[in-house]
Amino acid sequence: MQEKTIKILVGITKDNQIVYANLSLRDNYFSVTHDTLRELITEEEGEERAEEYLKDGELWKRAVDADQTTSSLENWIDDVLSIDGWETTVDAEYFGNYNDIPYYSTFDSCGASVEDFKKEYSFLIIPQEDLNLITESDKLHIKDFKQYTKEDKQLLKQIKDLMNKYDTINDNESLIIEKWLKNKE
């Protein structure tokens, strides 16, 4: 079997988190995991947060104590932001554009728990029946194909069909950003 992994943008929860489902087929098993994003920020917000985070001086003190810097706090902050970037400092990555403004996501959680799929959603990108199927697929998670029952094999076929369906769909980041911003208000 050819290995395949699909990342599906599920939607926005009522507590304004963005949830993705990660479905993977491997040589002898299937896995389902989630990624949950805490929020979306602009570059300006990210730069401010990074500088604020570093200004408390705790990391700088540790660097001085470990003989990793002789710079002043201000110069050290400039060095960190110019070398590592604000994105690394606040653990953000580019998400998409909305109204010509780039947005970055901050990470909240990930893992094999399907609990994030069971949250209440204010906005679903995928149909509820697809989300239900993803949630149900948890019973196949990391189970060896050789141990599959007839029902498991039927569910796996549905999952494969779902993966093929979303393999050709591009995420609509601008729509998610718009909905997320409206929920934030």
N, C-alpha and C. Protein backbone atom coordinates (compact mmCIF):
# COMPACT_ATOMS: atom_id res chain seq x y z
N MET A 1 0.84 -1.18 0.00
CA MET A 1 0.00 0.00 0.00
C MET A 1 0.89 1.24 0.00
N GLN A 2 0.48 2.21 -0.80
CA GLN A 2 1.21 3.47 -0.84
C GLN A 2 0.82 4.30 0.39
N GLU A 3 1.82 4.85 1.07
CA GLU A 3 1.54 5.67 2.23
C GLU A 3 0.93 6.99 1.79
N LYS A 4 -0.01 7.47 2.61
CA LYS A 4 -0.71 8.70 2.27
C LYS A 4 -1.11 9.41 3.55
N THR A 5 -0.92 10.73 3.58
CA THR A 5 -1.36 11.55 4.70
C THR A 5 -2.12 12.75 4.16
N ILE A 6 -3.26 13.02 4.77
CA ILE A 6 -4.10 14.14 4.37
C ILE A 6 -4.37 15.00 5.60
N LYS A 7 -4.25 16.31 5.43
CA LYS A 7 -4.59 17.25 6.48
C LYS A 7 -5.87 17.95 6.07
N ILE A 8 -6.91 17.81 6.88
CA ILE A 8 -8.23 18.36 6.55
C ILE A 8 -8.58 19.47 7.54
N LEU A 9 -8.87 20.64 7.02
CA LEU A 9 -9.31 21.75 7.84
C LEU A 9 -10.76 21.48 8.24
N VAL A 10 -10.99 21.26 9.54
CA VAL A 10 -12.32 20.89 10.03
C VAL A 10 -13.19 22.12 10.23
N GLY A 11 -12.70 23.10 10.99
CA GLY A 11 -13.49 24.30 11.25
C GLY A 11 -13.00 25.06 12.46
N ILE A 12 -13.89 25.92 12.97
CA ILE A 12 -13.58 26.77 14.12
C ILE A 12 -14.53 26.38 15.26
N THR A 13 -13.95 26.10 16.42
CA THR A 13 -14.76 25.72 17.58
C THR A 13 -15.42 26.95 18.18
N LYS A 14 -16.39 26.73 19.07
CA LYS A 14 -17.08 27.84 19.73
C LYS A 14 -16.12 28.67 20.60
N ASP A 15 -15.01 28.04 21.04
CA ASP A 15 -14.01 28.82 21.79
C ASP A 15 -12.95 29.39 20.85
N ASN A 16 -13.28 29.44 19.56
CA ASN A 16 -12.49 30.12 18.52
C ASN A 16 -11.14 29.49 18.24
N GLN A 17 -11.05 28.17 18.34
CA GLN A 17 -9.84 27.46 17.96
C GLN A 17 -10.06 26.83 16.58
N ILE A 18 -9.00 26.76 15.81
CA ILE A 18 -9.05 26.18 14.47
C ILE A 18 -8.55 24.75 14.57
N VAL A 19 -9.35 23.81 14.04
CA VAL A 19 -9.03 22.39 14.19
C VAL A 19 -8.79 21.75 12.82
N TYR A 20 -7.71 20.98 12.74
CA TYR A 20 -7.37 20.17 11.58
C TYR A 20 -7.41 18.70 11.97
N ALA A 21 -7.80 17.86 11.02
CA ALA A 21 -7.69 16.41 11.18
C ALA A 21 -6.56 15.93 10.29
N ASN A 22 -5.72 15.07 10.83
CA ASN A 22 -4.63 14.47 10.07
C ASN A 22 -4.93 12.98 9.94
N LEU A 23 -5.15 12.53 8.71
CA LEU A 23 -5.45 11.12 8.46
C LEU A 23 -4.28 10.52 7.71
N SER A 24 -3.78 9.39 8.19
CA SER A 24 -2.61 8.75 7.58
C SER A 24 -2.84 7.27 7.38
N LEU A 25 -2.50 6.81 6.18
CA LEU A 25 -2.47 5.38 5.88
C LEU A 25 -1.02 4.97 5.76
N ARG A 26 -0.63 3.96 6.47
CA ARG A 26 0.73 3.44 6.44
C ARG A 26 0.70 2.01 5.91
N ASP A 27 1.84 1.35 5.92
CA ASP A 27 1.93 -0.02 5.40
C ASP A 27 0.92 -0.97 6.04
N ASN A 28 0.77 -0.87 7.35
CA ASN A 28 -0.09 -1.85 8.01
C ASN A 28 -1.05 -1.23 9.03
N TYR A 29 -1.24 0.09 9.00
CA TYR A 29 -2.16 0.71 9.94
C TYR A 29 -2.65 2.07 9.42
N PHE A 30 -3.69 2.55 10.07
CA PHE A 30 -4.27 3.87 9.82
C PHE A 30 -4.12 4.68 11.10
N SER A 31 -3.94 5.99 10.97
CA SER A 31 -3.91 6.83 12.18
C SER A 31 -4.72 8.10 11.93
N VAL A 32 -5.30 8.60 13.01
CA VAL A 32 -6.03 9.87 12.99
C VAL A 32 -5.53 10.70 14.16
N THR A 33 -5.13 11.93 13.86
CA THR A 33 -4.66 12.86 14.89
C THR A 33 -5.27 14.23 14.59
N HIS A 34 -5.05 15.16 15.51
CA HIS A 34 -5.55 16.52 15.31
C HIS A 34 -4.44 17.53 15.56
N ASP A 35 -4.60 18.69 14.95
CA ASP A 35 -3.82 19.88 15.28
C ASP A 35 -4.84 20.96 15.61
N THR A 36 -4.64 21.64 16.72
CA THR A 36 -5.54 22.72 17.11
C THR A 36 -4.73 24.00 17.25
N LEU A 37 -5.20 25.03 16.56
CA LEU A 37 -4.54 26.32 16.58
C LEU A 37 -5.28 27.24 17.54
N ARG A 38 -4.53 27.94 18.37
CA ARG A 38 -5.11 28.79 19.40
C ARG A 38 -5.72 30.05 18.82
N GLU A 39 -4.96 30.73 17.97
CA GLU A 39 -5.44 32.00 17.45
C GLU A 39 -4.68 32.39 16.20
N LEU A 40 -5.16 33.44 15.56
CA LEU A 40 -4.49 34.02 14.41
C LEU A 40 -4.02 35.41 14.79
N ILE A 41 -2.81 35.73 14.38
CA ILE A 41 -2.25 37.05 14.69
C ILE A 41 -1.62 37.64 13.43
N THR A 42 -1.54 38.97 13.41
CA THR A 42 -0.85 39.64 12.32
C THR A 42 0.64 39.70 12.64
N GLU A 43 1.41 40.08 11.65
CA GLU A 43 2.85 40.22 11.86
C GLU A 43 3.14 41.26 12.94
N GLU A 44 2.42 42.36 12.91
CA GLU A 44 2.62 43.41 13.91
C GLU A 44 2.33 42.90 15.32
N GLU A 45 1.23 42.16 15.48
CA GLU A 45 0.91 41.59 16.79
C GLU A 45 1.98 40.59 17.22
N GLY A 46 2.47 39.80 16.28
CA GLY A 46 3.51 38.83 16.60
C GLY A 46 4.80 39.47 17.03
N GLU A 47 5.20 40.52 16.32
CA GLU A 47 6.43 41.24 16.68
C GLU A 47 6.31 41.84 18.08
N GLU A 48 5.15 42.43 18.38
CA GLU A 48 4.93 43.03 19.70
C GLU A 48 5.00 41.97 20.79
N ARG A 49 4.35 40.83 20.55
CA ARG A 49 4.36 39.75 21.55
C ARG A 49 5.77 39.21 21.78
N ALA A 50 6.51 39.04 20.71
CA ALA A 50 7.86 38.51 20.83
C ALA A 50 8.73 39.46 21.65
N GLU A 51 8.65 40.73 21.33
CA GLU A 51 9.46 41.71 22.07
C GLU A 51 9.05 41.77 23.53
N GLU A 52 7.75 41.74 23.79
CA GLU A 52 7.24 41.76 25.15
C GLU A 52 7.72 40.52 25.93
N TYR A 53 7.66 39.37 25.28
CA TYR A 53 8.09 38.12 25.90
C TYR A 53 9.57 38.17 26.28
N LEU A 54 10.38 38.73 25.40
CA LEU A 54 11.82 38.77 25.65
C LEU A 54 12.21 39.88 26.62
N LYS A 55 11.42 40.93 26.69
CA LYS A 55 11.76 42.08 27.53
C LYS A 55 11.78 41.77 29.02
N ASP A 56 11.10 40.71 29.46
CA ASP A 56 11.12 40.42 30.89
C ASP A 56 12.53 40.04 31.36
N GLY A 57 13.41 39.70 30.40
CA GLY A 57 14.81 39.49 30.70
C GLY A 57 15.17 38.12 31.24
N GLU A 58 14.20 37.26 31.49
CA GLU A 58 14.49 35.95 32.07
C GLU A 58 15.38 35.10 31.16
N LEU A 59 15.04 35.04 29.88
CA LEU A 59 15.86 34.26 28.93
C LEU A 59 17.23 34.89 28.75
N TRP A 60 17.28 36.21 28.73
CA TRP A 60 18.56 36.92 28.59
C TRP A 60 19.45 36.61 29.79
N LYS A 61 18.87 36.61 31.01
CA LYS A 61 19.65 36.30 32.22
C LYS A 61 20.24 34.89 32.13
N ARG A 62 19.43 33.96 31.64
CA ARG A 62 19.94 32.59 31.48
C ARG A 62 21.08 32.52 30.46
N ALA A 63 20.93 33.29 29.39
CA ALA A 63 21.99 33.31 28.36
C ALA A 63 23.26 33.92 28.93
N VAL A 64 23.14 34.97 29.73
CA VAL A 64 24.31 35.60 30.36
C VAL A 64 24.96 34.62 31.33
N ASP A 65 24.14 33.99 32.17
CA ASP A 65 24.65 33.03 33.16
C ASP A 65 25.36 31.85 32.51
N ALA A 66 24.92 31.48 31.32
CA ALA A 66 25.51 30.35 30.60
C ALA A 66 26.65 30.80 29.68
N ASP A 67 27.05 32.06 29.82
CA ASP A 67 28.11 32.64 28.97
C ASP A 67 27.80 32.52 27.48
N GLN A 68 26.53 32.66 27.13
CA GLN A 68 26.11 32.60 25.73
C GLN A 68 25.96 33.99 25.11
N THR A 69 26.01 35.03 25.95
CA THR A 69 25.95 36.39 25.43
C THR A 69 26.61 37.35 26.40
N THR A 70 27.15 38.40 25.84
CA THR A 70 27.67 39.52 26.63
C THR A 70 26.93 40.80 26.25
N SER A 71 25.92 40.66 25.40
CA SER A 71 25.15 41.81 24.92
C SER A 71 24.24 42.35 26.01
N SER A 72 23.89 43.61 25.88
CA SER A 72 22.88 44.21 26.75
C SER A 72 21.53 43.55 26.42
N LEU A 73 20.57 43.72 27.30
CA LEU A 73 19.25 43.13 27.07
C LEU A 73 18.67 43.62 25.73
N GLU A 74 18.76 44.92 25.49
CA GLU A 74 18.20 45.49 24.24
C GLU A 74 18.89 44.91 23.01
N ASN A 75 20.21 44.82 23.03
CA ASN A 75 20.95 44.26 21.89
C ASN A 75 20.66 42.77 21.72
N TRP A 76 20.53 42.06 22.84
CA TRP A 76 20.22 40.64 22.79
C TRP A 76 18.84 40.41 22.16
N ILE A 77 17.86 41.22 22.55
CA ILE A 77 16.52 41.13 21.96
C ILE A 77 16.59 41.36 20.46
N ASP A 78 17.33 42.39 20.05
CA ASP A 78 17.49 42.66 18.61
C ASP A 78 18.13 41.46 17.90
N ASP A 79 19.16 40.87 18.54
CA ASP A 79 19.83 39.71 17.95
C ASP A 79 18.87 38.52 17.81
N VAL A 80 18.14 38.23 18.87
CA VAL A 80 17.21 37.09 18.85
C VAL A 80 16.17 37.29 17.76
N LEU A 81 15.60 38.48 17.69
CA LEU A 81 14.54 38.72 16.71
C LEU A 81 15.08 38.75 15.29
N SER A 82 16.30 39.22 15.10
CA SER A 82 16.84 39.26 13.74
C SER A 82 17.36 37.88 13.29
N ILE A 83 17.80 37.07 14.22
CA ILE A 83 18.33 35.75 13.86
C ILE A 83 17.20 34.70 13.87
N ASP A 84 16.48 34.60 14.99
CA ASP A 84 15.44 33.58 15.12
C ASP A 84 14.12 34.02 14.51
N GLY A 85 13.85 35.31 14.53
CA GLY A 85 12.58 35.84 14.04
C GLY A 85 11.51 35.81 15.12
N TRP A 86 10.56 36.71 14.96
CA TRP A 86 9.48 36.78 15.95
C TRP A 86 8.63 35.52 15.91
N GLU A 87 8.51 34.89 14.73
CA GLU A 87 7.66 33.70 14.59
C GLU A 87 8.15 32.56 15.50
N THR A 88 9.45 32.36 15.54
CA THR A 88 10.03 31.32 16.39
C THR A 88 9.82 31.66 17.86
N THR A 89 9.96 32.92 18.19
CA THR A 89 9.86 33.35 19.58
C THR A 89 8.46 33.11 20.15
N VAL A 90 7.43 33.33 19.33
CA VAL A 90 6.05 33.14 19.83
C VAL A 90 5.41 31.87 19.28
N ASP A 91 6.21 31.02 18.62
CA ASP A 91 5.73 29.76 18.06
C ASP A 91 4.54 29.97 17.13
N ALA A 92 4.77 30.78 16.10
CA ALA A 92 3.73 31.07 15.11
C ALA A 92 4.24 30.67 13.73
N GLU A 93 3.29 30.32 12.86
CA GLU A 93 3.66 30.03 11.48
C GLU A 93 2.63 30.65 10.55
N TYR A 94 3.07 30.93 9.34
CA TYR A 94 2.20 31.57 8.36
C TYR A 94 0.97 30.71 8.13
N PHE A 95 -0.21 31.34 8.13
CA PHE A 95 -1.47 30.64 7.91
C PHE A 95 -2.11 31.00 6.57
N GLY A 96 -2.19 32.31 6.29
CA GLY A 96 -2.81 32.74 5.04
C GLY A 96 -3.05 34.23 5.04
N ASN A 97 -3.54 34.73 3.91
CA ASN A 97 -3.83 36.16 3.76
C ASN A 97 -5.32 36.42 3.80
N TYR A 98 -5.68 37.59 4.33
CA TYR A 98 -7.05 38.07 4.30
C TYR A 98 -6.99 39.57 4.13
N ASN A 99 -7.65 40.09 3.10
CA ASN A 99 -7.59 41.53 2.79
C ASN A 99 -6.15 42.02 2.68
N ASP A 100 -5.32 41.24 2.01
CA ASP A 100 -3.90 41.56 1.78
C ASP A 100 -3.08 41.66 3.06
N ILE A 101 -3.58 41.10 4.15
CA ILE A 101 -2.84 41.09 5.42
C ILE A 101 -2.46 39.64 5.71
N PRO A 102 -1.16 39.36 5.90
CA PRO A 102 -0.75 37.99 6.27
C PRO A 102 -1.11 37.70 7.73
N TYR A 103 -1.65 36.51 7.96
CA TYR A 103 -1.97 36.06 9.30
C TYR A 103 -1.14 34.83 9.63
N TYR A 104 -0.82 34.72 10.91
CA TYR A 104 -0.01 33.63 11.42
C TYR A 104 -0.81 32.92 12.51
N SER A 105 -0.63 31.63 12.62
CA SER A 105 -1.35 30.86 13.63
C SER A 105 -0.41 30.53 14.78
N THR A 106 -0.99 30.51 15.98
CA THR A 106 -0.25 30.05 17.14
C THR A 106 -0.81 28.69 17.53
N PHE A 107 0.06 27.81 17.87
CA PHE A 107 -0.24 26.41 18.12
C PHE A 107 -0.84 26.23 19.51
N ASP A 108 -1.82 25.35 19.63
CA ASP A 108 -2.40 25.04 20.93
C ASP A 108 -2.12 23.60 21.34
N SER A 109 -2.54 22.65 20.50
CA SER A 109 -2.34 21.26 20.88
C SER A 109 -2.36 20.36 19.65
N CYS A 110 -1.92 19.13 19.87
CA CYS A 110 -1.99 18.12 18.83
C CYS A 110 -2.03 16.77 19.52
N GLY A 111 -2.35 15.74 18.77
CA GLY A 111 -2.32 14.42 19.37
C GLY A 111 -3.32 13.48 18.78
N ALA A 112 -3.38 12.30 19.35
CA ALA A 112 -4.23 11.24 18.84
C ALA A 112 -5.63 11.27 19.44
N SER A 113 -5.89 12.14 20.38
CA SER A 113 -7.22 12.22 20.97
C SER A 113 -8.20 12.83 19.97
N VAL A 114 -9.38 12.27 19.90
CA VAL A 114 -10.41 12.81 19.00
C VAL A 114 -11.32 13.79 19.74
N GLU A 115 -10.97 14.13 20.97
CA GLU A 115 -11.81 15.03 21.76
C GLU A 115 -12.00 16.38 21.07
N ASP A 116 -10.98 16.90 20.40
CA ASP A 116 -11.14 18.19 19.72
C ASP A 116 -12.14 18.10 18.58
N PHE A 117 -12.31 16.92 18.01
CA PHE A 117 -13.32 16.76 16.96
C PHE A 117 -14.72 16.78 17.54
N LYS A 118 -14.86 16.49 18.83
CA LYS A 118 -16.17 16.42 19.48
C LYS A 118 -16.61 17.76 20.05
N LYS A 119 -15.77 18.78 19.97
CA LYS A 119 -16.14 20.09 20.49
C LYS A 119 -17.29 20.68 19.68
N GLU A 120 -17.92 21.68 20.26
CA GLU A 120 -18.95 22.40 19.52
C GLU A 120 -18.26 23.38 18.57
N TYR A 121 -18.77 23.43 17.36
CA TYR A 121 -18.18 24.29 16.33
C TYR A 121 -19.10 25.46 16.01
N SER A 122 -18.50 26.62 15.86
CA SER A 122 -19.26 27.78 15.39
C SER A 122 -19.27 27.81 13.87
N PHE A 123 -18.28 27.15 13.25
CA PHE A 123 -18.19 27.13 11.80
C PHE A 123 -17.47 25.87 11.36
N LEU A 124 -18.17 25.04 10.60
CA LEU A 124 -17.58 23.82 10.05
C LEU A 124 -17.25 24.03 8.58
N ILE A 125 -16.04 23.67 8.20
CA ILE A 125 -15.64 23.69 6.78
C ILE A 125 -16.15 22.43 6.10
N ILE A 126 -16.07 21.32 6.81
CA ILE A 126 -16.48 20.03 6.23
C ILE A 126 -17.89 19.70 6.71
N PRO A 127 -18.60 18.88 5.98
CA PRO A 127 -19.93 18.47 6.44
C PRO A 127 -19.86 17.69 7.75
N GLN A 128 -20.90 17.80 8.55
CA GLN A 128 -20.96 17.11 9.85
C GLN A 128 -20.75 15.61 9.69
N GLU A 129 -21.29 15.02 8.63
CA GLU A 129 -21.13 13.57 8.45
C GLU A 129 -19.67 13.19 8.22
N ASP A 130 -18.89 14.07 7.59
CA ASP A 130 -17.45 13.80 7.43
C ASP A 130 -16.74 13.89 8.77
N LEU A 131 -17.12 14.88 9.57
CA LEU A 131 -16.53 15.00 10.91
C LEU A 131 -16.90 13.78 11.76
N ASN A 132 -18.13 13.32 11.66
CA ASN A 132 -18.54 12.12 12.41
C ASN A 132 -17.71 10.91 11.99
N LEU A 133 -17.45 10.79 10.69
CA LEU A 133 -16.65 9.68 10.19
C LEU A 133 -15.22 9.77 10.71
N ILE A 134 -14.66 10.95 10.72
CA ILE A 134 -13.30 11.15 11.25
C ILE A 134 -13.26 10.75 12.72
N THR A 135 -14.27 11.19 13.48
CA THR A 135 -14.33 10.84 14.90
C THR A 135 -14.47 9.34 15.09
N GLU A 136 -15.32 8.72 14.31
CA GLU A 136 -15.52 7.26 14.40
C GLU A 136 -14.25 6.50 14.03
N SER A 137 -13.44 7.07 13.13
CA SER A 137 -12.24 6.37 12.68
C SER A 137 -11.22 6.16 13.79
N ASP A 138 -11.43 6.80 14.92
CA ASP A 138 -10.52 6.63 16.05
C ASP A 138 -10.41 5.15 16.46
N LYS A 139 -11.47 4.38 16.27
CA LYS A 139 -11.40 2.97 16.67
C LYS A 139 -10.45 2.16 15.79
N LEU A 140 -10.01 2.75 14.66
CA LEU A 140 -9.03 2.08 13.80
C LEU A 140 -7.60 2.57 14.05
N HIS A 141 -7.48 3.60 14.87
CA HIS A 141 -6.18 4.26 15.08
C HIS A 141 -5.11 3.27 15.54
N ILE A 142 -4.06 3.14 14.74
CA ILE A 142 -2.88 2.32 15.01
C ILE A 142 -3.22 0.83 15.20
N LYS A 143 -4.34 0.41 14.73
CA LYS A 143 -4.72 -1.00 14.80
C LYS A 143 -4.19 -1.68 13.53
N ASP A 144 -3.47 -2.77 13.69
CA ASP A 144 -2.90 -3.49 12.56
C ASP A 144 -4.01 -3.96 11.63
N PHE A 145 -3.82 -3.73 10.32
CA PHE A 145 -4.82 -4.14 9.33
C PHE A 145 -5.19 -5.61 9.47
N LYS A 146 -4.25 -6.44 9.88
CA LYS A 146 -4.51 -7.88 10.02
C LYS A 146 -5.55 -8.17 11.09
N GLN A 147 -5.76 -7.24 12.00
CA GLN A 147 -6.71 -7.41 13.09
C GLN A 147 -8.09 -6.82 12.77
N TYR A 148 -8.25 -6.29 11.58
CA TYR A 148 -9.51 -5.63 11.22
C TYR A 148 -10.65 -6.63 11.08
N THR A 149 -11.79 -6.26 11.62
CA THR A 149 -13.02 -7.02 11.41
C THR A 149 -13.63 -6.58 10.08
N LYS A 150 -14.70 -7.21 9.69
CA LYS A 150 -15.42 -6.83 8.47
C LYS A 150 -15.89 -5.37 8.58
N GLU A 151 -16.40 -4.99 9.75
CA GLU A 151 -16.87 -3.62 9.98
C GLU A 151 -15.70 -2.62 9.90
N ASP A 152 -14.55 -3.01 10.45
CA ASP A 152 -13.36 -2.15 10.38
C ASP A 152 -12.96 -1.91 8.93
N LYS A 153 -13.02 -2.96 8.13
CA LYS A 153 -12.65 -2.84 6.71
C LYS A 153 -13.62 -1.93 5.97
N GLN A 154 -14.89 -1.99 6.32
CA GLN A 154 -15.87 -1.10 5.70
C GLN A 154 -15.60 0.35 6.11
N LEU A 155 -15.29 0.56 7.38
CA LEU A 155 -14.97 1.90 7.85
C LEU A 155 -13.71 2.42 7.18
N LEU A 156 -12.70 1.57 7.04
CA LEU A 156 -11.47 1.98 6.36
C LEU A 156 -11.74 2.39 4.92
N LYS A 157 -12.62 1.68 4.24
CA LYS A 157 -12.97 2.05 2.87
C LYS A 157 -13.59 3.45 2.85
N GLN A 158 -14.47 3.73 3.81
CA GLN A 158 -15.08 5.07 3.90
C GLN A 158 -14.01 6.13 4.16
N ILE A 159 -13.05 5.80 5.01
CA ILE A 159 -11.96 6.73 5.32
C ILE A 159 -11.11 6.99 4.08
N LYS A 160 -10.80 5.94 3.34
CA LYS A 160 -10.02 6.10 2.10
C LYS A 160 -10.77 7.00 1.11
N ASP A 161 -12.08 6.79 1.00
CA ASP A 161 -12.89 7.64 0.12
C ASP A 161 -12.86 9.10 0.59
N LEU A 162 -12.95 9.28 1.89
CA LEU A 162 -12.88 10.63 2.47
C LEU A 162 -11.52 11.27 2.18
N MET A 163 -10.46 10.49 2.34
CA MET A 163 -9.11 11.01 2.07
C MET A 163 -8.97 11.40 0.60
N ASN A 164 -9.52 10.59 -0.29
CA ASN A 164 -9.48 10.94 -1.72
C ASN A 164 -10.29 12.19 -2.01
N LYS A 165 -11.40 12.34 -1.33
CA LYS A 165 -12.26 13.52 -1.51
C LYS A 165 -11.50 14.80 -1.14
N TYR A 166 -10.79 14.78 -0.02
CA TYR A 166 -10.10 15.98 0.46
C TYR A 166 -8.69 16.12 -0.09
N ASP A 167 -8.22 15.11 -0.79
CA ASP A 167 -6.89 15.18 -1.40
C ASP A 167 -6.82 16.27 -2.46
N THR A 168 -7.94 16.57 -3.10
CA THR A 168 -7.95 17.55 -4.19
C THR A 168 -8.55 18.89 -3.79
N ILE A 169 -8.96 19.02 -2.53
CA ILE A 169 -9.57 20.28 -2.08
C ILE A 169 -8.51 21.11 -1.38
N ASN A 170 -8.39 22.37 -1.79
CA ASN A 170 -7.47 23.29 -1.12
C ASN A 170 -8.19 23.95 0.04
N ASP A 171 -7.47 24.12 1.15
CA ASP A 171 -8.04 24.82 2.30
C ASP A 171 -8.32 26.27 1.91
N ASN A 172 -9.41 26.79 2.42
CA ASN A 172 -9.77 28.18 2.16
C ASN A 172 -9.38 29.01 3.37
N GLU A 173 -8.09 29.34 3.45
CA GLU A 173 -7.58 30.07 4.61
C GLU A 173 -8.23 31.42 4.78
N SER A 174 -8.52 32.13 3.68
CA SER A 174 -9.10 33.46 3.83
C SER A 174 -10.50 33.38 4.45
N LEU A 175 -11.26 32.34 4.12
CA LEU A 175 -12.58 32.16 4.72
C LEU A 175 -12.45 31.88 6.21
N ILE A 176 -11.51 31.03 6.58
CA ILE A 176 -11.28 30.73 8.01
C ILE A 176 -10.86 32.00 8.75
N ILE A 177 -9.95 32.78 8.17
CA ILE A 177 -9.51 34.02 8.83
C ILE A 177 -10.70 34.95 9.03
N GLU A 178 -11.51 35.11 7.99
CA GLU A 178 -12.69 35.98 8.10
C GLU A 178 -13.61 35.53 9.23
N LYS A 179 -13.93 34.23 9.27
CA LYS A 179 -14.83 33.69 10.31
C LYS A 179 -14.19 33.82 11.69
N TRP A 180 -12.89 33.55 11.78
CA TRP A 180 -12.19 33.63 13.06
C TRP A 180 -12.23 35.06 13.59
N LEU A 181 -11.96 36.04 12.73
CA LEU A 181 -11.98 37.44 13.14
C LEU A 181 -13.39 37.86 13.60
N LYS A 182 -14.42 37.40 12.91
CA LYS A 182 -15.80 37.73 13.31
C LYS A 182 -16.12 37.11 14.66
N ASN A 183 -15.67 35.89 14.91
CA ASN A 183 -15.91 35.24 16.20
C ASN A 183 -15.18 35.97 17.33
N LYS A 184 -14.05 36.55 16.99
CA LYS A 184 -13.20 37.22 17.98
C LYS A 184 -13.87 38.51 18.50
N GLU A 185 -14.67 39.12 17.63
CA GLU A 185 -15.29 40.42 17.97
C GLU A 185 -16.26 40.32 19.11
